[in-house]
Amino acid sequence: MSEDRYHISMLFTSHVHGYAKGTWGKKPFTLTGGAGAPLGGKPDNTKWFYNYVKVNVSSKGVSYEVVKYR
């Protein structure tokens, strides 16, 4: 079964308590799991920080903003 069958343009994942983005196969992904539980690693500004991702959808397209808090 081809992943393109479902026309996926972005994957949002969680569980790991931190932040990451990259590609899985050919699809971009955003991992956002630092929304309140203890972080999965030592706090820093690259992966282990409290966060959520704000998604804006408009006629101009889709944008993603990582919001750090705490």
PDB file of N, CA and C in Angstrom:
ATOM      1  N   MET A   1       0.845  -1.171   0.000  1.00  0.00           N
ATOM      2  CA  MET A   1       0.000   0.000   0.000  1.00  0.00           C
ATOM      3  C   MET A   1       0.896   1.243   0.000  1.00  0.00           C
ATOM      4  N   SER A   2       0.653   2.139  -0.915  1.00  0.00           N
ATOM      5  CA  SER A   2       1.466   3.351  -1.047  1.00  0.00           C
ATOM      6  C   SER A   2       1.004   4.418  -0.069  1.00  0.00           C
ATOM      7  N   GLU A   3       1.969   5.086   0.602  1.00  0.00           N
ATOM      8  CA  GLU A   3       1.596   6.179   1.500  1.00  0.00           C
ATOM      9  C   GLU A   3       0.975   7.341   0.739  1.00  0.00           C
ATOM     10  N   ASP A   4       1.279   7.500  -0.542  1.00  0.00           N
ATOM     11  CA  ASP A   4       0.698   8.579  -1.340  1.00  0.00           C
ATOM     12  C   ASP A   4      -0.786   8.360  -1.605  1.00  0.00           C
ATOM     13  N   ARG A   5      -1.254   7.171  -1.361  1.00  0.00           N
ATOM     14  CA  ARG A   5      -2.669   6.851  -1.562  1.00  0.00           C
ATOM     15  C   ARG A   5      -3.563   7.779  -0.735  1.00  0.00           C
ATOM     16  N   TYR A   6      -3.063   8.241   0.419  1.00  0.00           N
ATOM     17  CA  TYR A   6      -3.853   9.055   1.331  1.00  0.00           C
ATOM     18  C   TYR A   6      -3.546  10.551   1.219  1.00  0.00           C
ATOM     19  N   HIS A   7      -2.665  10.949   0.330  1.00  0.00           N
ATOM     20  CA  HIS A   7      -2.338  12.376   0.092  1.00  0.00           C
ATOM     21  C   HIS A   7      -1.896  13.079   1.379  1.00  0.00           C
ATOM     22  N   ILE A   8      -1.002  12.456   2.101  1.00  0.00           N
ATOM     23  CA  ILE A   8      -0.497  13.008   3.360  1.00  0.00           C
ATOM     24  C   ILE A   8       0.511  14.110   3.052  1.00  0.00           C
ATOM     25  N   SER A   9       0.310  15.281   3.661  1.00  0.00           N
ATOM     26  CA  SER A   9       1.248  16.380   3.442  1.00  0.00           C
ATOM     27  C   SER A   9       2.055  16.709   4.704  1.00  0.00           C
ATOM     28  N   MET A  10       1.600  16.259   5.873  1.00  0.00           N
ATOM     29  CA  MET A  10       2.321  16.488   7.124  1.00  0.00           C
ATOM     30  C   MET A  10       1.850  15.462   8.146  1.00  0.00           C
ATOM     31  N   LEU A  11       2.800  14.908   8.883  1.00  0.00           N
ATOM     32  CA  LEU A  11       2.484  13.999   9.984  1.00  0.00           C
ATOM     33  C   LEU A  11       2.720  14.739  11.293  1.00  0.00           C
ATOM     34  N   PHE A  12       1.766  14.670  12.201  1.00  0.00           N
ATOM     35  CA  PHE A  12       1.947  15.188  13.558  1.00  0.00           C
ATOM     36  C   PHE A  12       1.997  13.993  14.485  1.00  0.00           C
ATOM     37  N   THR A  13       3.037  13.921  15.280  1.00  0.00           N
ATOM     38  CA  THR A  13       3.214  12.801  16.187  1.00  0.00           C
ATOM     39  C   THR A  13       3.450  13.311  17.600  1.00  0.00           C
ATOM     40  N   SER A  14       3.415  12.388  18.549  1.00  0.00           N
ATOM     41  CA  SER A  14       3.615  12.759  19.941  1.00  0.00           C
ATOM     42  C   SER A  14       4.233  11.594  20.684  1.00  0.00           C
ATOM     43  N   HIS A  15       4.121  11.575  21.945  1.00  0.00           N
ATOM     44  CA  HIS A  15       4.567  10.582  22.907  1.00  0.00           C
ATOM     45  C   HIS A  15       5.962  10.903  23.454  1.00  0.00           C
ATOM     46  N   VAL A  16       6.958  11.115  22.610  1.00  0.00           N
ATOM     47  CA  VAL A  16       8.269  11.516  23.117  1.00  0.00           C
ATOM     48  C   VAL A  16       8.109  12.930  23.672  1.00  0.00           C
ATOM     49  N   HIS A  17       8.538  13.156  24.894  1.00  0.00           N
ATOM     50  CA  HIS A  17       8.302  14.435  25.561  1.00  0.00           C
ATOM     51  C   HIS A  17       9.382  15.436  25.180  1.00  0.00           C
ATOM     52  N   GLY A  18       9.196  16.039  24.007  1.00  0.00           N
ATOM     53  CA  GLY A  18      10.132  17.016  23.476  1.00  0.00           C
ATOM     54  C   GLY A  18       9.625  17.529  22.157  1.00  0.00           C
ATOM     55  N   TYR A  19      10.535  17.966  21.291  1.00  0.00           N
ATOM     56  CA  TYR A  19      10.167  18.513  19.990  1.00  0.00           C
ATOM     57  C   TYR A  19      11.178  18.044  18.949  1.00  0.00           C
ATOM     58  N   ALA A  20      10.685  17.726  17.770  1.00  0.00           N
ATOM     59  CA  ALA A  20      11.563  17.401  16.645  1.00  0.00           C
ATOM     60  C   ALA A  20      10.778  17.578  15.357  1.00  0.00           C
ATOM     61  N   LYS A  21      11.501  17.777  14.263  1.00  0.00           N
ATOM     62  CA  LYS A  21      10.864  17.770  12.957  1.00  0.00           C
ATOM     63  C   LYS A  21      11.838  17.160  11.967  1.00  0.00           C
ATOM     64  N   GLY A  22      11.303  16.616  10.903  1.00  0.00           N
ATOM     65  CA  GLY A  22      12.140  15.963   9.912  1.00  0.00           C
ATOM     66  C   GLY A  22      11.278  15.315   8.848  1.00  0.00           C
ATOM     67  N   THR A  23      11.772  14.254   8.255  1.00  0.00           N
ATOM     68  CA  THR A  23      10.994  13.507   7.274  1.00  0.00           C
ATOM     69  C   THR A  23      10.972  12.040   7.661  1.00  0.00           C
ATOM     70  N   TRP A  24       9.874  11.389   7.374  1.00  0.00           N
ATOM     71  CA  TRP A  24       9.710   9.959   7.600  1.00  0.00           C
ATOM     72  C   TRP A  24       9.356   9.383   6.247  1.00  0.00           C
ATOM     73  N   GLY A  25      10.278   8.655   5.655  1.00  0.00           N
ATOM     74  CA  GLY A  25      10.110   8.289   4.254  1.00  0.00           C
ATOM     75  C   GLY A  25      10.258   9.569   3.449  1.00  0.00           C
ATOM     76  N   LYS A  26       9.231   9.931   2.731  1.00  0.00           N
ATOM     77  CA  LYS A  26       9.239  11.183   1.961  1.00  0.00           C
ATOM     78  C   LYS A  26       8.339  12.244   2.571  1.00  0.00           C
ATOM     79  N   LYS A  27       7.718  11.939   3.705  1.00  0.00           N
ATOM     80  CA  LYS A  27       6.745  12.854   4.303  1.00  0.00           C
ATOM     81  C   LYS A  27       7.342  13.646   5.452  1.00  0.00           C
ATOM     82  N   PRO A  28       7.074  14.962   5.514  1.00  0.00           N
ATOM     83  CA  PRO A  28       7.550  15.752   6.646  1.00  0.00           C
ATOM     84  C   PRO A  28       6.759  15.397   7.905  1.00  0.00           C
ATOM     85  N   PHE A  29       7.428  15.460   9.057  1.00  0.00           N
ATOM     86  CA  PHE A  29       6.728  15.229  10.315  1.00  0.00           C
ATOM     87  C   PHE A  29       7.133  16.269  11.339  1.00  0.00           C
ATOM     88  N   THR A  30       6.236  16.488  12.290  1.00  0.00           N
ATOM     89  CA  THR A  30       6.489  17.321  13.454  1.00  0.00           C
ATOM     90  C   THR A  30       6.128  16.503  14.675  1.00  0.00           C
ATOM     91  N   LEU A  31       7.075  16.357  15.588  1.00  0.00           N
ATOM     92  CA  LEU A  31       6.840  15.673  16.847  1.00  0.00           C
ATOM     93  C   LEU A  31       6.704  16.741  17.913  1.00  0.00           C
ATOM     94  N   THR A  32       5.567  16.799  18.561  1.00  0.00           N
ATOM     95  CA  THR A  32       5.348  17.774  19.612  1.00  0.00           C
ATOM     96  C   THR A  32       4.749  17.069  20.816  1.00  0.00           C
ATOM     97  N   GLY A  33       5.573  16.810  21.798  1.00  0.00           N
ATOM     98  CA  GLY A  33       5.124  16.072  22.966  1.00  0.00           C
ATOM     99  C   GLY A  33       5.552  16.709  24.268  1.00  0.00           C
ATOM    100  N   GLY A  34       5.944  17.957  24.239  1.00  0.00           N
ATOM    101  CA  GLY A  34       6.399  18.643  25.455  1.00  0.00           C
ATOM    102  C   GLY A  34       5.339  19.586  25.971  1.00  0.00           C
ATOM    103  N   ALA A  35       4.116  19.077  26.150  1.00  0.00           N
ATOM    104  CA  ALA A  35       3.011  19.960  26.525  1.00  0.00           C
ATOM    105  C   ALA A  35       2.680  19.933  28.006  1.00  0.00           C
ATOM    106  N   GLY A  36       3.541  19.393  28.841  1.00  0.00           N
ATOM    107  CA  GLY A  36       3.269  19.471  30.262  1.00  0.00           C
ATOM    108  C   GLY A  36       3.878  18.370  31.103  1.00  0.00           C
ATOM    109  N   ALA A  37       3.980  17.160  30.579  1.00  0.00           N
ATOM    110  CA  ALA A  37       4.596  16.069  31.331  1.00  0.00           C
ATOM    111  C   ALA A  37       6.096  16.339  31.447  1.00  0.00           C
ATOM    112  N   PRO A  38       6.782  15.657  32.344  1.00  0.00           N
ATOM    113  CA  PRO A  38       8.237  15.851  32.430  1.00  0.00           C
ATOM    114  C   PRO A  38       8.903  15.596  31.078  1.00  0.00           C
ATOM    115  N   LEU A  39       9.888  16.419  30.743  1.00  0.00           N
ATOM    116  CA  LEU A  39      10.585  16.294  29.462  1.00  0.00           C
ATOM    117  C   LEU A  39      11.382  14.998  29.404  1.00  0.00           C
ATOM    118  N   GLY A  40      11.612  14.509  28.178  1.00  0.00           N
ATOM    119  CA  GLY A  40      12.319  13.253  27.981  1.00  0.00           C
ATOM    120  C   GLY A  40      13.823  13.365  28.117  1.00  0.00           C
ATOM    121  N   GLY A  41      14.343  14.551  28.202  1.00  0.00           N
ATOM    122  CA  GLY A  41      15.781  14.771  28.326  1.00  0.00           C
ATOM    123  C   GLY A  41      16.045  16.044  29.102  1.00  0.00           C
ATOM    124  N   LYS A  42      17.306  16.382  29.226  1.00  0.00           N
ATOM    125  CA  LYS A  42      17.705  17.602  29.936  1.00  0.00           C
ATOM    126  C   LYS A  42      17.218  18.820  29.150  1.00  0.00           C
ATOM    127  N   PRO A  43      16.510  19.767  29.805  1.00  0.00           N
ATOM    128  CA  PRO A  43      15.999  20.933  29.087  1.00  0.00           C
ATOM    129  C   PRO A  43      17.089  21.666  28.305  1.00  0.00           C
ATOM    130  N   ASP A  44      16.793  21.979  27.043  1.00  0.00           N
ATOM    131  CA  ASP A  44      17.672  22.777  26.193  1.00  0.00           C
ATOM    132  C   ASP A  44      16.805  23.488  25.153  1.00  0.00           C
ATOM    133  N   ASN A  45      17.389  24.170  24.231  1.00  0.00           N
ATOM    134  CA  ASN A  45      16.622  24.906  23.228  1.00  0.00           C
ATOM    135  C   ASN A  45      16.552  24.197  21.882  1.00  0.00           C
ATOM    136  N   THR A  46      17.007  22.952  21.799  1.00  0.00           N
ATOM    137  CA  THR A  46      17.021  22.269  20.511  1.00  0.00           C
ATOM    138  C   THR A  46      15.968  21.171  20.400  1.00  0.00           C
ATOM    139  N   LYS A  47      15.733  20.426  21.475  1.00  0.00           N
ATOM    140  CA  LYS A  47      14.787  19.315  21.416  1.00  0.00           C
ATOM    141  C   LYS A  47      13.957  19.185  22.683  1.00  0.00           C
ATOM    142  N   TRP A  48      14.544  19.420  23.815  1.00  0.00           N
ATOM    143  CA  TRP A  48      13.868  19.166  25.084  1.00  0.00           C
ATOM    144  C   TRP A  48      13.384  20.477  25.687  1.00  0.00           C
ATOM    145  N   PHE A  49      12.215  20.913  25.274  1.00  0.00           N
ATOM    146  CA  PHE A  49      11.596  22.116  25.831  1.00  0.00           C
ATOM    147  C   PHE A  49      10.083  21.967  25.761  1.00  0.00           C
ATOM    148  N   TYR A  50       9.387  22.660  26.649  1.00  0.00           N
ATOM    149  CA  TYR A  50       7.920  22.623  26.634  1.00  0.00           C
ATOM    150  C   TYR A  50       7.431  23.398  25.418  1.00  0.00           C
ATOM    151  N   ASN A  51       6.443  22.808  24.719  1.00  0.00           N
ATOM    152  CA  ASN A  51       6.022  23.400  23.453  1.00  0.00           C
ATOM    153  C   ASN A  51       4.645  22.941  23.017  1.00  0.00           C
ATOM    154  N   TYR A  52       4.131  23.671  22.050  1.00  0.00           N
ATOM    155  CA  TYR A  52       3.013  23.207  21.237  1.00  0.00           C
ATOM    156  C   TYR A  52       3.230  23.791  19.853  1.00  0.00           C
ATOM    157  N   VAL A  53       2.519  23.287  18.863  1.00  0.00           N
ATOM    158  CA  VAL A  53       2.669  23.763  17.491  1.00  0.00           C
ATOM    159  C   VAL A  53       1.364  24.416  17.062  1.00  0.00           C
ATOM    160  N   LYS A  54       1.474  25.657  16.636  1.00  0.00           N
ATOM    161  CA  LYS A  54       0.326  26.418  16.150  1.00  0.00           C
ATOM    162  C   LYS A  54       0.286  26.277  14.628  1.00  0.00           C
ATOM    163  N   VAL A  55      -0.832  25.787  14.112  1.00  0.00           N
ATOM    164  CA  VAL A  55      -0.995  25.577  12.672  1.00  0.00           C
ATOM    165  C   VAL A  55      -1.978  26.615  12.150  1.00  0.00           C
ATOM    166  N   ASN A  56      -1.563  27.347  11.109  1.00  0.00           N
ATOM    167  CA  ASN A  56      -2.421  28.349  10.496  1.00  0.00           C
ATOM    168  C   ASN A  56      -2.729  27.910   9.062  1.00  0.00           C
ATOM    169  N   VAL A  57      -4.014  27.783   8.764  1.00  0.00           N
ATOM    170  CA  VAL A  57      -4.455  27.399   7.424  1.00  0.00           C
ATOM    171  C   VAL A  57      -5.213  28.576   6.822  1.00  0.00           C
ATOM    172  N   SER A  58      -4.773  29.040   5.659  1.00  0.00           N
ATOM    173  CA  SER A  58      -5.427  30.154   4.990  1.00  0.00           C
ATOM    174  C   SER A  58      -5.413  29.919   3.488  1.00  0.00           C
ATOM    175  N   SER A  59      -5.973  30.838   2.750  1.00  0.00           N
ATOM    176  CA  SER A  59      -5.984  30.714   1.293  1.00  0.00           C
ATOM    177  C   SER A  59      -4.566  30.808   0.715  1.00  0.00           C
ATOM    178  N   LYS A  60      -3.619  31.324   1.501  1.00  0.00           N
ATOM    179  CA  LYS A  60      -2.227  31.428   1.063  1.00  0.00           C
ATOM    180  C   LYS A  60      -1.427  30.162   1.330  1.00  0.00           C
ATOM    181  N   GLY A  61      -1.995  29.227   2.098  1.00  0.00           N
ATOM    182  CA  GLY A  61      -1.297  27.981   2.398  1.00  0.00           C
ATOM    183  C   GLY A  61      -1.362  27.633   3.868  1.00  0.00           C
ATOM    184  N   VAL A  62      -0.466  26.773   4.281  1.00  0.00           N
ATOM    185  CA  VAL A  62      -0.404  26.285   5.658  1.00  0.00           C
ATOM    186  C   VAL A  62       0.946  26.670   6.247  1.00  0.00           C
ATOM    187  N   SER A  63       0.927  27.194   7.470  1.00  0.00           N
ATOM    188  CA  SER A  63       2.180  27.501   8.159  1.00  0.00           C
ATOM    189  C   SER A  63       2.154  26.880   9.544  1.00  0.00           C
ATOM    190  N   TYR A  64       3.354  26.618  10.085  1.00  0.00           N
ATOM    191  CA  TYR A  64       3.514  25.976  11.375  1.00  0.00           C
ATOM    192  C   TYR A  64       4.434  26.831  12.230  1.00  0.00           C
ATOM    193  N   GLU A  65       4.023  27.066  13.477  1.00  0.00           N
ATOM    194  CA  GLU A  65       4.843  27.855  14.404  1.00  0.00           C
ATOM    195  C   GLU A  65       5.021  27.070  15.703  1.00  0.00           C
ATOM    196  N   VAL A  66       6.261  26.808  16.069  1.00  0.00           N
ATOM    197  CA  VAL A  66       6.552  26.155  17.345  1.00  0.00           C
ATOM    198  C   VAL A  66       6.492  27.218  18.430  1.00  0.00           C
ATOM    199  N   VAL A  67       5.685  26.989  19.439  1.00  0.00           N
ATOM    200  CA  VAL A  67       5.559  27.926  20.543  1.00  0.00           C
ATOM    201  C   VAL A  67       6.195  27.291  21.775  1.00  0.00           C
ATOM    202  N   LYS A  68       7.245  27.949  22.283  1.00  0.00           N
ATOM    203  CA  LYS A  68       7.920  27.485  23.506  1.00  0.00           C
ATOM    204  C   LYS A  68       7.270  28.183  24.683  1.00  0.00           C
ATOM    205  N   TYR A  69       7.125  27.448  25.773  1.00  0.00           N
ATOM    206  CA  TYR A  69       6.605  28.076  26.989  1.00  0.00           C
ATOM    207  C   TYR A  69       7.275  27.491  28.206  1.00  0.00           C
ATOM    208  N   ARG A  70       7.087  28.148  29.316  1.00  0.00           N
ATOM    209  CA  ARG A  70       7.670  27.847  30.633  1.00  0.00           C
ATOM    210  C   ARG A  70       9.026  28.392  30.766  1.00  0.00           C
TER     211      ARG A  70
END
